[in-house]
Amino acid sequence: MYIRLFVCLFIWEFLFQFGFAQSWSPMNGPIGTDINSSVITKEKGEIYCMTITSKVFMSTDNGKTWVEQSDGLKQFSGARKSIKEAPNGTIYLNNGDFIYRYDKLIRKWISLYTNNIGFEDFAFSPDGLTIYSSSGNSLLISNNNGYFKIVNNLNAY
């Protein structure tokens, strides 16, 4: 009795796992380089891919065609690279040295901090207007897409 129940449950689990599994298929590019980080925007489904060759490519047609969008970026040197979408839809990029905001109107990346201090990671407030970042023992805060200020005294916040 228990063996039949076990076999039925096993078969059901096997069918469930493979019947509802995701299938993956390769996209058409960007070809010729490895992707370091990528993001798909929530509203328009645009795909941004950051490569190990310090370039950013964007696709607006589900990966069928790609356009380089690297204007304004400096050569990457850090190992901590990421590209993220803020809750308000703005695209940000951390290349390990600088954090950039993508300006879609002029199709250019704008640096939000002019000193190379080695950003480790960054996150957003729920409305996307405040960016929090870390660098070593420092916390950095940027309000309304402005430049970062270093917060040394965390008790003040």
C-alpha atoms as a PDB file:
ATOM      1  CA  MET A   1       0.000   0.000   0.000  1.00  0.00           C
ATOM      2  CA  TYR A   2       2.707   2.465   1.004  1.00  0.00           C
ATOM      3  CA  ILE A   3       4.840   1.459  -1.962  1.00  0.00           C
ATOM      4  CA  ARG A   4       2.012   2.280  -4.404  1.00  0.00           C
ATOM      5  CA  LEU A   5       1.444   5.633  -2.737  1.00  0.00           C
ATOM      6  CA  PHE A   6       5.175   6.391  -2.832  1.00  0.00           C
ATOM      7  CA  VAL A   7       5.424   5.438  -6.530  1.00  0.00           C
ATOM      8  CA  CYS A   8       2.359   7.543  -7.409  1.00  0.00           C
ATOM      9  CA  LEU A   9       3.738  10.542  -5.530  1.00  0.00           C
ATOM     10  CA  PHE A  10       7.120  10.091  -7.189  1.00  0.00           C
ATOM     11  CA  ILE A  11       5.580   9.968 -10.667  1.00  0.00           C
ATOM     12  CA  TRP A  12       3.396  13.007  -9.889  1.00  0.00           C
ATOM     13  CA  GLU A  13       6.410  14.989  -8.635  1.00  0.00           C
ATOM     14  CA  PHE A  14       8.446  14.002 -11.690  1.00  0.00           C
ATOM     15  CA  LEU A  15       5.691  15.113 -14.091  1.00  0.00           C
ATOM     16  CA  PHE A  16       5.106  18.332 -12.147  1.00  0.00           C
ATOM     17  CA  GLN A  17       8.803  19.274 -12.101  1.00  0.00           C
ATOM     18  CA  PHE A  18       9.367  18.734 -15.801  1.00  0.00           C
ATOM     19  CA  GLY A  19       5.912  19.771 -16.989  1.00  0.00           C
ATOM     20  CA  PHE A  20       6.204  23.274 -15.529  1.00  0.00           C
ATOM     21  CA  ALA A  21       9.951  23.807 -15.936  1.00  0.00           C
ATOM     22  CA  GLN A  22      11.263  26.887 -17.722  1.00  0.00           C
ATOM     23  CA  SER A  23      12.976  26.456 -21.039  1.00  0.00           C
ATOM     24  CA  TRP A  24      15.872  28.662 -22.071  1.00  0.00           C
ATOM     25  CA  SER A  25      16.980  29.643 -25.540  1.00  0.00           C
ATOM     26  CA  PRO A  26      19.973  31.765 -26.567  1.00  0.00           C
ATOM     27  CA  MET A  27      19.457  35.369 -27.656  1.00  0.00           C
ATOM     28  CA  ASN A  28      20.906  36.929 -30.780  1.00  0.00           C
ATOM     29  CA  GLY A  29      23.811  38.804 -29.193  1.00  0.00           C
ATOM     30  CA  PRO A  30      25.582  40.843 -28.215  1.00  0.00           C
ATOM     31  CA  ILE A  31      28.067  38.602 -29.991  1.00  0.00           C
ATOM     32  CA  GLY A  32      31.810  38.459 -29.383  1.00  0.00           C
ATOM     33  CA  THR A  33      32.022  39.194 -25.661  1.00  0.00           C
ATOM     34  CA  ASP A  34      30.926  37.868 -22.295  1.00  0.00           C
ATOM     35  CA  ILE A  35      28.076  39.524 -20.403  1.00  0.00           C
ATOM     36  CA  ASN A  36      28.968  40.699 -16.904  1.00  0.00           C
ATOM     37  CA  SER A  37      25.543  41.957 -15.815  1.00  0.00           C
ATOM     38  CA  SER A  38      22.152  42.623 -17.384  1.00  0.00           C
ATOM     39  CA  VAL A  39      18.734  44.009 -16.585  1.00  0.00           C
ATOM     40  CA  ILE A  40      15.323  43.949 -18.265  1.00  0.00           C
ATOM     41  CA  THR A  41      13.208  47.041 -17.630  1.00  0.00           C
ATOM     42  CA  LYS A  42       9.803  46.428 -16.103  1.00  0.00           C
ATOM     43  CA  GLU A  43       7.751  48.890 -18.136  1.00  0.00           C
ATOM     44  CA  LYS A  44       9.129  48.577 -21.684  1.00  0.00           C
ATOM     45  CA  GLY A  45      11.061  45.304 -21.525  1.00  0.00           C
ATOM     46  CA  GLU A  46      14.273  46.913 -22.761  1.00  0.00           C
ATOM     47  CA  ILE A  47      17.357  44.763 -22.189  1.00  0.00           C
ATOM     48  CA  TYR A  48      20.627  46.343 -21.064  1.00  0.00           C
ATOM     49  CA  CYS A  49      23.755  44.165 -21.035  1.00  0.00           C
ATOM     50  CA  MET A  50      27.102  45.229 -19.604  1.00  0.00           C
ATOM     51  CA  THR A  51      30.054  43.351 -21.081  1.00  0.00           C
ATOM     52  CA  ILE A  52      33.490  42.584 -19.701  1.00  0.00           C
ATOM     53  CA  THR A  53      34.900  44.809 -22.466  1.00  0.00           C
ATOM     54  CA  SER A  54      33.480  47.970 -20.778  1.00  0.00           C
ATOM     55  CA  LYS A  55      30.576  48.340 -23.192  1.00  0.00           C
ATOM     56  CA  VAL A  56      26.812  48.463 -22.692  1.00  0.00           C
ATOM     57  CA  PHE A  57      24.402  47.144 -25.307  1.00  0.00           C
ATOM     58  CA  MET A  58      20.639  47.718 -25.391  1.00  0.00           C
ATOM     59  CA  SER A  59      17.855  45.838 -27.157  1.00  0.00           C
ATOM     60  CA  THR A  60      14.289  47.092 -27.535  1.00  0.00           C
ATOM     61  CA  ASP A  61      13.011  44.077 -29.497  1.00  0.00           C
ATOM     62  CA  ASN A  62      13.521  41.157 -27.094  1.00  0.00           C
ATOM     63  CA  GLY A  63      17.157  40.627 -28.040  1.00  0.00           C
ATOM     64  CA  LYS A  64      16.786  40.419 -31.828  1.00  0.00           C
ATOM     65  CA  THR A  65      18.927  43.511 -32.470  1.00  0.00           C
ATOM     66  CA  TRP A  66      21.447  45.308 -30.261  1.00  0.00           C
ATOM     67  CA  VAL A  67      22.736  48.887 -30.160  1.00  0.00           C
ATOM     68  CA  GLU A  68      25.815  49.961 -28.222  1.00  0.00           C
ATOM     69  CA  GLN A  69      24.968  52.535 -25.532  1.00  0.00           C
ATOM     70  CA  SER A  70      28.394  53.226 -23.960  1.00  0.00           C
ATOM     71  CA  ASP A  71      28.731  56.978 -24.497  1.00  0.00           C
ATOM     72  CA  GLY A  72      29.918  58.651 -21.281  1.00  0.00           C
ATOM     73  CA  LEU A  73      31.384  55.523 -19.680  1.00  0.00           C
ATOM     74  CA  LYS A  74      35.008  55.315 -18.621  1.00  0.00           C
ATOM     75  CA  GLN A  75      37.054  52.128 -18.914  1.00  0.00           C
ATOM     76  CA  PHE A  76      35.983  49.619 -16.253  1.00  0.00           C
ATOM     77  CA  SER A  77      38.567  48.341 -13.815  1.00  0.00           C
ATOM     78  CA  GLY A  78      36.589  47.049 -10.839  1.00  0.00           C
ATOM     79  CA  ALA A  79      35.439  43.497 -10.385  1.00  0.00           C
ATOM     80  CA  ARG A  80      32.101  44.543  -8.855  1.00  0.00           C
ATOM     81  CA  LYS A  81      30.029  45.468 -11.903  1.00  0.00           C
ATOM     82  CA  SER A  82      26.261  45.655 -11.972  1.00  0.00           C
ATOM     83  CA  ILE A  83      23.459  47.321 -13.851  1.00  0.00           C
ATOM     84  CA  LYS A  84      20.088  47.911 -12.171  1.00  0.00           C
ATOM     85  CA  GLU A  85      16.730  49.563 -12.730  1.00  0.00           C
ATOM     86  CA  ALA A  86      15.445  51.890  -9.995  1.00  0.00           C
ATOM     87  CA  PRO A  87      11.774  51.668  -8.961  1.00  0.00           C
ATOM     88  CA  ASN A  88      11.126  54.842 -10.985  1.00  0.00           C
ATOM     89  CA  GLY A  89      12.498  53.215 -14.178  1.00  0.00           C
ATOM     90  CA  THR A  90      15.899  54.924 -14.297  1.00  0.00           C
ATOM     91  CA  ILE A  91      18.845  52.692 -15.258  1.00  0.00           C
ATOM     92  CA  TYR A  92      22.016  52.816 -13.146  1.00  0.00           C
ATOM     93  CA  LEU A  93      25.375  51.177 -13.671  1.00  0.00           C
ATOM     94  CA  ASN A  94      28.163  50.433 -11.203  1.00  0.00           C
ATOM     95  CA  ASN A  95      31.471  49.616 -12.866  1.00  0.00           C
ATOM     96  CA  GLY A  96      33.332  49.250  -9.569  1.00  0.00           C
ATOM     97  CA  ASP A  97      34.853  52.724  -9.795  1.00  0.00           C
ATOM     98  CA  PHE A  98      31.890  54.979 -10.612  1.00  0.00           C
ATOM     99  CA  ILE A  99      28.100  54.885 -10.549  1.00  0.00           C
ATOM    100  CA  TYR A 100      26.352  56.177 -13.658  1.00  0.00           C
ATOM    101  CA  ARG A 101      22.763  57.129 -14.524  1.00  0.00           C
ATOM    102  CA  TYR A 102      21.570  56.551 -18.083  1.00  0.00           C
ATOM    103  CA  ASP A 103      19.927  59.589 -19.671  1.00  0.00           C
ATOM    104  CA  LYS A 104      17.613  58.206 -22.358  1.00  0.00           C
ATOM    105  CA  LEU A 105      17.019  61.614 -23.958  1.00  0.00           C
ATOM    106  CA  ILE A 106      20.664  62.211 -24.860  1.00  0.00           C
ATOM    107  CA  ARG A 107      21.610  58.500 -24.856  1.00  0.00           C
ATOM    108  CA  LYS A 108      24.536  59.024 -22.548  1.00  0.00           C
ATOM    109  CA  TRP A 109      25.733  57.747 -19.155  1.00  0.00           C
ATOM    110  CA  ILE A 110      26.150  60.494 -16.522  1.00  0.00           C
ATOM    111  CA  SER A 111      28.632  59.901 -13.669  1.00  0.00           C
ATOM    112  CA  LEU A 112      27.105  60.578 -10.242  1.00  0.00           C
ATOM    113  CA  TYR A 113      30.405  60.820  -8.404  1.00  0.00           C
ATOM    114  CA  THR A 114      33.583  62.330  -9.788  1.00  0.00           C
ATOM    115  CA  ASN A 115      36.098  60.729  -7.421  1.00  0.00           C
ATOM    116  CA  ASN A 116      37.154  57.144  -7.994  1.00  0.00           C
ATOM    117  CA  ILE A 117      36.454  55.600  -4.582  1.00  0.00           C
ATOM    118  CA  GLY A 118      35.518  52.032  -5.558  1.00  0.00           C
ATOM    119  CA  PHE A 119      31.780  51.472  -5.144  1.00  0.00           C
ATOM    120  CA  GLU A 120      30.916  48.020  -3.841  1.00  0.00           C
ATOM    121  CA  ASP A 121      27.163  47.863  -4.383  1.00  0.00           C
ATOM    122  CA  PHE A 122      24.123  50.115  -4.459  1.00  0.00           C
ATOM    123  CA  ALA A 123      20.413  50.020  -3.694  1.00  0.00           C
ATOM    124  CA  PHE A 124      17.400  52.302  -4.020  1.00  0.00           C
ATOM    125  CA  SER A 125      14.742  53.788  -1.800  1.00  0.00           C
ATOM    126  CA  PRO A 126      11.208  52.543  -2.593  1.00  0.00           C
ATOM    127  CA  ASP A 127      10.473  55.606  -4.756  1.00  0.00           C
ATOM    128  CA  GLY A 128      13.817  55.323  -6.582  1.00  0.00           C
ATOM    129  CA  LEU A 129      14.837  58.912  -5.832  1.00  0.00           C
ATOM    130  CA  THR A 130      17.508  58.067  -3.238  1.00  0.00           C
ATOM    131  CA  ILE A 131      20.481  55.811  -3.955  1.00  0.00           C
ATOM    132  CA  TYR A 132      22.473  54.192  -1.164  1.00  0.00           C
ATOM    133  CA  SER A 133      25.952  52.871  -1.860  1.00  0.00           C
ATOM    134  CA  SER A 134      28.892  51.520   0.082  1.00  0.00           C
ATOM    135  CA  SER A 135      32.619  51.912  -0.351  1.00  0.00           C
ATOM    136  CA  GLY A 136      34.843  50.336   2.260  1.00  0.00           C
ATOM    137  CA  ASN A 137      33.699  51.770   5.604  1.00  0.00           C
ATOM    138  CA  SER A 138      31.718  54.636   4.073  1.00  0.00           C
ATOM    139  CA  LEU A 139      28.054  54.967   3.242  1.00  0.00           C
ATOM    140  CA  LEU A 140      27.219  57.233   0.318  1.00  0.00           C
ATOM    141  CA  ILE A 141      23.819  58.773  -0.383  1.00  0.00           C
ATOM    142  CA  SER A 142      22.542  60.422  -3.554  1.00  0.00           C
ATOM    143  CA  ASN A 143      19.213  62.271  -3.640  1.00  0.00           C
ATOM    144  CA  ASN A 144      17.158  62.988  -6.768  1.00  0.00           C
ATOM    145  CA  ASN A 145      19.782  61.677  -9.221  1.00  0.00           C
ATOM    146  CA  GLY A 146      22.351  64.050  -7.740  1.00  0.00           C
ATOM    147  CA  TYR A 147      25.932  63.476  -6.779  1.00  0.00           C
ATOM    148  CA  PHE A 148      26.832  61.244  -3.858  1.00  0.00           C
ATOM    149  CA  LYS A 149      27.771  62.630  -0.486  1.00  0.00           C
ATOM    150  CA  ILE A 150      29.784  60.588   1.985  1.00  0.00           C
ATOM    151  CA  VAL A 151      28.140  59.938   5.336  1.00  0.00           C
ATOM    152  CA  ASN A 152      30.745  59.305   8.009  1.00  0.00           C
ATOM    153  CA  ASN A 153      28.497  59.751  11.040  1.00  0.00           C
ATOM    154  CA  LEU A 154      25.680  57.229  10.680  1.00  0.00           C
ATOM    155  CA  ASN A 155      24.170  58.353  13.989  1.00  0.00           C
ATOM    156  CA  ALA A 156      23.108  61.590  12.279  1.00  0.00           C
ATOM    157  CA  TYR A 157      20.627  59.660  10.139  1.00  0.00           C
END
